[in-house]
Amino acid sequence: MAEIKIEKKKPVWPWVAVLLVIAGIIYYIYFCDHTVHNENSVEIENTTSAQ
């Protein structure tokens, strides 16, 4: 009689976790605000009036 080799199904959840991490990185890169907020770059409004 012939021997039948049965392979166990590999888990899918590690691939799902990797895809979620990659999606999170892409979301962070494209959708987060990357502007630097510097306290020294405050604009001063000119309140003097030249009449």
Protein backbone atom coordinates (compact mmCIF):
# COMPACT_ATOMS: atom_id res chain seq x y z
CA MET A 1 0.00 0.00 0.00
CA ALA A 2 1.24 3.51 -0.81
CA GLU A 3 2.07 5.95 1.93
CA ILE A 4 0.11 9.22 1.81
CA LYS A 5 1.93 12.23 3.22
CA ILE A 6 -0.36 14.74 4.89
CA GLU A 7 1.00 18.22 5.57
CA LYS A 8 -0.50 20.29 8.33
CA LYS A 9 -2.02 23.61 7.32
CA LYS A 10 0.29 26.49 8.22
CA PRO A 11 -1.22 29.21 10.45
CA VAL A 12 -2.43 32.38 8.74
CA TRP A 13 -2.47 34.72 11.78
CA PRO A 14 1.26 35.66 11.58
CA TRP A 15 0.67 37.02 8.07
CA VAL A 16 -2.38 38.94 9.27
CA ALA A 17 -0.29 40.47 12.07
CA VAL A 18 2.44 41.49 9.60
CA LEU A 19 -0.12 43.11 7.28
CA LEU A 20 -1.63 45.05 10.19
CA VAL A 21 1.79 46.35 11.21
CA ILE A 22 2.57 47.43 7.64
CA ALA A 23 -0.84 49.11 7.36
CA GLY A 24 -0.18 50.96 10.63
CA ILE A 25 3.18 52.21 9.37
CA ILE A 26 1.65 53.40 6.09
CA TYR A 27 -1.14 55.15 8.00
CA TYR A 28 1.38 56.89 10.25
CA ILE A 29 3.53 58.05 7.33
CA TYR A 30 0.75 59.38 5.12
CA PHE A 31 -1.98 60.58 7.47
CA CYS A 32 -0.24 61.99 10.55
CA ASP A 33 0.76 65.63 10.82
CA HIS A 34 4.54 65.82 10.52
CA THR A 35 4.95 69.57 10.93
CA VAL A 36 7.34 70.70 13.62
CA HIS A 37 5.77 73.02 16.14
CA ASN A 38 8.44 75.43 17.23
CA GLU A 39 7.64 77.90 20.00
CA ASN A 40 10.26 80.34 18.71
CA SER A 41 8.50 80.85 15.39
CA VAL A 42 5.55 82.85 16.72
CA GLU A 43 4.37 85.64 14.44
CA ILE A 44 3.85 89.00 16.08
CA GLU A 45 0.86 90.96 14.88
CA ASN A 46 1.52 94.58 14.04
CA THR A 47 -0.85 96.59 16.24
CA THR A 48 0.52 100.05 15.54
CA SER A 49 -1.49 102.14 13.15
CA ALA A 50 0.14 104.64 10.86
CA GLN A 51 -2.25 107.58 10.37
